[in-house]
Each structure stands twice: as structure tokens, then as C-alpha cells.
Amino acid sequence: MLDNLVEFASYWWFRYLMVTELYMCEKWERVTIHVIFMVLFCVFWYFNYSILLSITGLITPGASIADIMPNVQGQTLKVT
């Protein structure tokens, strides 16, 4: 059972390296690229979790823009 799982994971890891062409890179280059991918993933996750999720939670059919963005209440927009 464990051998099948290891074989399955190594097969998909090999496919990932082939598709992304990371098999041609050296070990330190692969690690660097994976760290960059992980950092970007975490930044996007944090943005979606903290910003988009809170805004979409406030948007309802009866919500006004003042409910969504309370800091701009009473301010006017000037177009020049």
C-alpha cells in the first residue's frame, strides 16, 4: 500500500517537473523557484482571505457602498 502511494507521488512529481521544465534546472534553482511559488501562493491566499472575503461578505442586495467602505462616507469625488 505504501509502495503504491510512493510510486504514485513520484510519478506525479516527475510529470510536474517535466511539464514545468524544472527537470533541466539544478537543485538550488528548483528550490528557489518553489520558494517563490510558495510565497506568491501565500500572498494571494492572504489577499483573498483578508480583503476579498471580507468585501464579498458585506455585499448583499441591500448593502450600500457606505456599508462596504465606511471610511469614504461623506466624502465627495472631484473630477478634474
N, C-alpha and C. Protein backbone atom coordinates (compact mmCIF):
# COMPACT_ATOMS: atom_id res chain seq x y z
N MET A 1 0.83 -1.19 0.00
CA MET A 1 0.00 0.00 0.00
C MET A 1 0.87 1.25 0.00
N LEU A 2 1.87 1.27 0.89
CA LEU A 2 2.74 2.44 0.97
C LEU A 2 3.60 2.57 -0.29
N ASP A 3 4.01 1.44 -0.85
CA ASP A 3 4.79 1.47 -2.08
C ASP A 3 3.99 2.06 -3.24
N ASN A 4 2.72 1.72 -3.30
CA ASN A 4 1.86 2.28 -4.35
C ASN A 4 1.71 3.79 -4.19
N LEU A 5 1.58 4.25 -2.96
CA LEU A 5 1.45 5.67 -2.70
C LEU A 5 2.73 6.42 -3.07
N VAL A 6 3.87 5.87 -2.72
CA VAL A 6 5.15 6.49 -3.07
C VAL A 6 5.34 6.50 -4.58
N GLU A 7 4.99 5.42 -5.23
CA GLU A 7 5.11 5.34 -6.69
C GLU A 7 4.18 6.35 -7.37
N PHE A 8 2.97 6.49 -6.86
CA PHE A 8 2.01 7.46 -7.39
C PHE A 8 2.54 8.89 -7.24
N ALA A 9 3.05 9.22 -6.04
CA ALA A 9 3.57 10.57 -5.79
C ALA A 9 4.80 10.86 -6.64
N SER A 10 5.68 9.90 -6.78
CA SER A 10 6.88 10.13 -7.59
C SER A 10 6.53 10.27 -9.07
N TYR A 11 5.52 9.56 -9.52
CA TYR A 11 5.07 9.69 -10.91
C TYR A 11 4.55 11.10 -11.18
N TRP A 12 3.68 11.59 -10.27
CA TRP A 12 3.13 12.93 -10.48
C TRP A 12 4.18 14.00 -10.26
N TRP A 13 5.14 13.80 -9.38
CA TRP A 13 6.24 14.75 -9.21
C TRP A 13 7.08 14.81 -10.49
N PHE A 14 7.34 13.65 -11.09
CA PHE A 14 8.07 13.60 -12.35
C PHE A 14 7.30 14.34 -13.45
N ARG A 15 6.01 14.12 -13.54
CA ARG A 15 5.19 14.82 -14.54
C ARG A 15 5.22 16.32 -14.31
N TYR A 16 5.13 16.75 -13.05
CA TYR A 16 5.19 18.18 -12.71
C TYR A 16 6.52 18.78 -13.18
N LEU A 17 7.62 18.08 -12.91
CA LEU A 17 8.93 18.57 -13.33
C LEU A 17 9.04 18.62 -14.85
N MET A 18 8.46 17.67 -15.53
CA MET A 18 8.52 17.66 -16.99
C MET A 18 7.67 18.77 -17.60
N VAL A 19 6.47 18.96 -17.07
CA VAL A 19 5.56 19.97 -17.62
C VAL A 19 6.10 21.38 -17.38
N THR A 20 6.62 21.63 -16.20
CA THR A 20 7.15 22.95 -15.87
C THR A 20 8.58 23.14 -16.35
N GLU A 21 9.17 22.08 -16.91
CA GLU A 21 10.54 22.08 -17.41
C GLU A 21 11.57 22.38 -16.32
N LEU A 22 11.21 22.05 -15.09
CA LEU A 22 12.15 22.23 -13.98
C LEU A 22 13.16 21.10 -13.89
N TYR A 23 12.96 20.05 -14.66
CA TYR A 23 13.92 18.94 -14.64
C TYR A 23 15.27 19.38 -15.19
N MET A 24 15.29 20.46 -15.96
CA MET A 24 16.54 20.94 -16.54
C MET A 24 17.33 21.81 -15.57
N CYS A 25 16.68 22.27 -14.51
CA CYS A 25 17.34 23.17 -13.56
C CYS A 25 18.16 22.38 -12.55
N GLU A 26 19.09 23.08 -11.94
CA GLU A 26 19.84 22.48 -10.86
C GLU A 26 18.99 22.48 -9.60
N LYS A 27 19.46 21.76 -8.60
CA LYS A 27 18.69 21.61 -7.35
C LYS A 27 18.41 22.95 -6.69
N TRP A 28 19.43 23.83 -6.60
CA TRP A 28 19.22 25.12 -5.93
C TRP A 28 18.26 26.00 -6.71
N GLU A 29 18.23 25.87 -8.04
CA GLU A 29 17.29 26.65 -8.84
C GLU A 29 15.86 26.16 -8.63
N ARG A 30 15.70 24.84 -8.55
CA ARG A 30 14.36 24.28 -8.27
C ARG A 30 13.84 24.74 -6.92
N VAL A 31 14.72 24.70 -5.92
CA VAL A 31 14.31 25.12 -4.57
C VAL A 31 13.92 26.59 -4.58
N THR A 32 14.71 27.41 -5.25
CA THR A 32 14.40 28.84 -5.32
C THR A 32 13.07 29.09 -6.00
N ILE A 33 12.81 28.42 -7.10
CA ILE A 33 11.55 28.60 -7.81
C ILE A 33 10.37 28.11 -6.97
N HIS A 34 10.54 27.00 -6.25
CA HIS A 34 9.46 26.51 -5.40
C HIS A 34 9.19 27.45 -4.24
N VAL A 35 10.23 28.06 -3.69
CA VAL A 35 10.03 29.04 -2.61
C VAL A 35 9.29 30.26 -3.14
N ILE A 36 9.65 30.72 -4.32
CA ILE A 36 8.95 31.87 -4.92
C ILE A 36 7.49 31.52 -5.17
N PHE A 37 7.22 30.32 -5.71
CA PHE A 37 5.84 29.89 -5.92
C PHE A 37 5.06 29.85 -4.61
N MET A 38 5.69 29.35 -3.55
CA MET A 38 5.02 29.25 -2.26
C MET A 38 4.73 30.64 -1.68
N VAL A 39 5.68 31.54 -1.81
CA VAL A 39 5.47 32.91 -1.31
C VAL A 39 4.34 33.58 -2.08
N LEU A 40 4.33 33.44 -3.41
CA LEU A 40 3.24 34.02 -4.20
C LEU A 40 1.89 33.40 -3.82
N PHE A 41 1.86 32.10 -3.64
CA PHE A 41 0.63 31.44 -3.24
C PHE A 41 0.13 31.98 -1.90
N CYS A 42 1.04 32.15 -0.94
CA CYS A 42 0.66 32.66 0.38
C CYS A 42 0.17 34.10 0.31
N VAL A 43 0.82 34.91 -0.52
CA VAL A 43 0.38 36.31 -0.67
C VAL A 43 -1.01 36.36 -1.30
N PHE A 44 -1.23 35.57 -2.35
CA PHE A 44 -2.56 35.54 -2.96
C PHE A 44 -3.62 35.01 -2.00
N TRP A 45 -3.28 33.98 -1.23
CA TRP A 45 -4.22 33.43 -0.26
C TRP A 45 -4.57 34.48 0.79
N TYR A 46 -3.57 35.18 1.30
CA TYR A 46 -3.83 36.19 2.33
C TYR A 46 -4.70 37.32 1.76
N PHE A 47 -4.41 37.76 0.55
CA PHE A 47 -5.22 38.82 -0.06
C PHE A 47 -6.66 38.36 -0.22
N ASN A 48 -6.85 37.14 -0.74
CA ASN A 48 -8.21 36.63 -0.92
C ASN A 48 -8.92 36.46 0.41
N TYR A 49 -8.21 35.96 1.41
CA TYR A 49 -8.82 35.72 2.71
C TYR A 49 -9.15 37.02 3.43
N SER A 50 -8.23 37.97 3.46
CA SER A 50 -8.44 39.17 4.27
C SER A 50 -9.22 40.26 3.54
N ILE A 51 -8.98 40.44 2.26
CA ILE A 51 -9.61 41.55 1.54
C ILE A 51 -10.89 41.10 0.83
N LEU A 52 -10.75 40.19 -0.10
CA LEU A 52 -11.90 39.81 -0.92
C LEU A 52 -13.00 39.12 -0.13
N LEU A 53 -12.62 38.27 0.81
CA LEU A 53 -13.64 37.57 1.58
C LEU A 53 -14.44 38.54 2.45
N SER A 54 -13.77 39.52 3.04
CA SER A 54 -14.49 40.48 3.87
C SER A 54 -15.39 41.38 3.04
N ILE A 55 -14.93 41.76 1.84
CA ILE A 55 -15.76 42.62 0.98
C ILE A 55 -16.95 41.85 0.44
N THR A 56 -16.73 40.63 -0.02
CA THR A 56 -17.85 39.87 -0.57
C THR A 56 -18.84 39.47 0.52
N GLY A 57 -18.39 39.37 1.76
CA GLY A 57 -19.31 39.09 2.84
C GLY A 57 -20.23 40.26 3.14
N LEU A 58 -19.78 41.46 2.82
CA LEU A 58 -20.60 42.65 3.07
C LEU A 58 -21.54 42.97 1.93
N ILE A 59 -21.27 42.44 0.76
CA ILE A 59 -22.10 42.77 -0.39
C ILE A 59 -23.36 41.91 -0.35
N THR A 60 -24.44 42.56 -0.14
CA THR A 60 -25.76 41.93 -0.19
C THR A 60 -26.65 42.82 -1.04
N PRO A 61 -27.81 42.35 -1.43
CA PRO A 61 -28.67 43.19 -2.28
C PRO A 61 -29.03 44.54 -1.64
N GLY A 62 -29.10 44.61 -0.33
CA GLY A 62 -29.47 45.87 0.32
C GLY A 62 -28.30 46.68 0.83
N ALA A 63 -27.09 46.24 0.59
CA ALA A 63 -25.91 46.94 1.11
C ALA A 63 -25.58 48.15 0.25
N SER A 64 -25.16 49.21 0.91
CA SER A 64 -24.73 50.39 0.18
C SER A 64 -23.20 50.45 0.21
N ILE A 65 -22.65 51.35 -0.57
CA ILE A 65 -21.19 51.48 -0.61
C ILE A 65 -20.66 51.99 0.73
N ALA A 66 -21.47 52.70 1.49
CA ALA A 66 -21.05 53.18 2.80
C ALA A 66 -20.90 52.02 3.79
N ASP A 67 -21.69 50.96 3.61
CA ASP A 67 -21.54 49.79 4.45
C ASP A 67 -20.25 49.04 4.14
N ILE A 68 -19.90 49.03 2.87
CA ILE A 68 -18.72 48.29 2.44
C ILE A 68 -17.45 49.06 2.75
N MET A 69 -17.45 50.37 2.50
CA MET A 69 -16.27 51.20 2.72
C MET A 69 -16.64 52.36 3.64
N PRO A 70 -16.62 52.15 4.96
CA PRO A 70 -17.09 53.18 5.88
C PRO A 70 -16.19 54.41 5.95
N ASN A 71 -14.94 54.33 5.54
CA ASN A 71 -14.03 55.46 5.62
C ASN A 71 -14.31 56.53 4.57
N VAL A 72 -15.03 56.22 3.54
CA VAL A 72 -15.32 57.20 2.49
C VAL A 72 -16.71 57.81 2.65
N GLN A 73 -17.36 57.56 3.74
CA GLN A 73 -18.70 58.10 3.96
C GLN A 73 -18.61 59.62 4.13
N GLY A 74 -19.41 60.33 3.37
CA GLY A 74 -19.45 61.77 3.46
C GLY A 74 -18.43 62.47 2.58
N GLN A 75 -17.53 61.76 1.97
CA GLN A 75 -16.56 62.38 1.08
C GLN A 75 -17.15 62.43 -0.33
N THR A 76 -16.74 63.45 -1.06
CA THR A 76 -17.21 63.59 -2.43
C THR A 76 -16.05 63.34 -3.38
N LEU A 77 -16.38 62.92 -4.56
CA LEU A 77 -15.39 62.64 -5.57
C LEU A 77 -15.33 63.83 -6.52
N LYS A 78 -14.14 64.40 -6.68
CA LYS A 78 -13.97 65.53 -7.59
C LYS A 78 -13.30 65.04 -8.87
N VAL A 79 -13.90 65.39 -9.98
CA VAL A 79 -13.36 65.02 -11.27
C VAL A 79 -12.82 66.28 -11.92
N THR A 80 -11.54 66.23 -12.28
CA THR A 80 -10.96 67.43 -12.91
C THR A 80 -10.61 67.17 -14.34
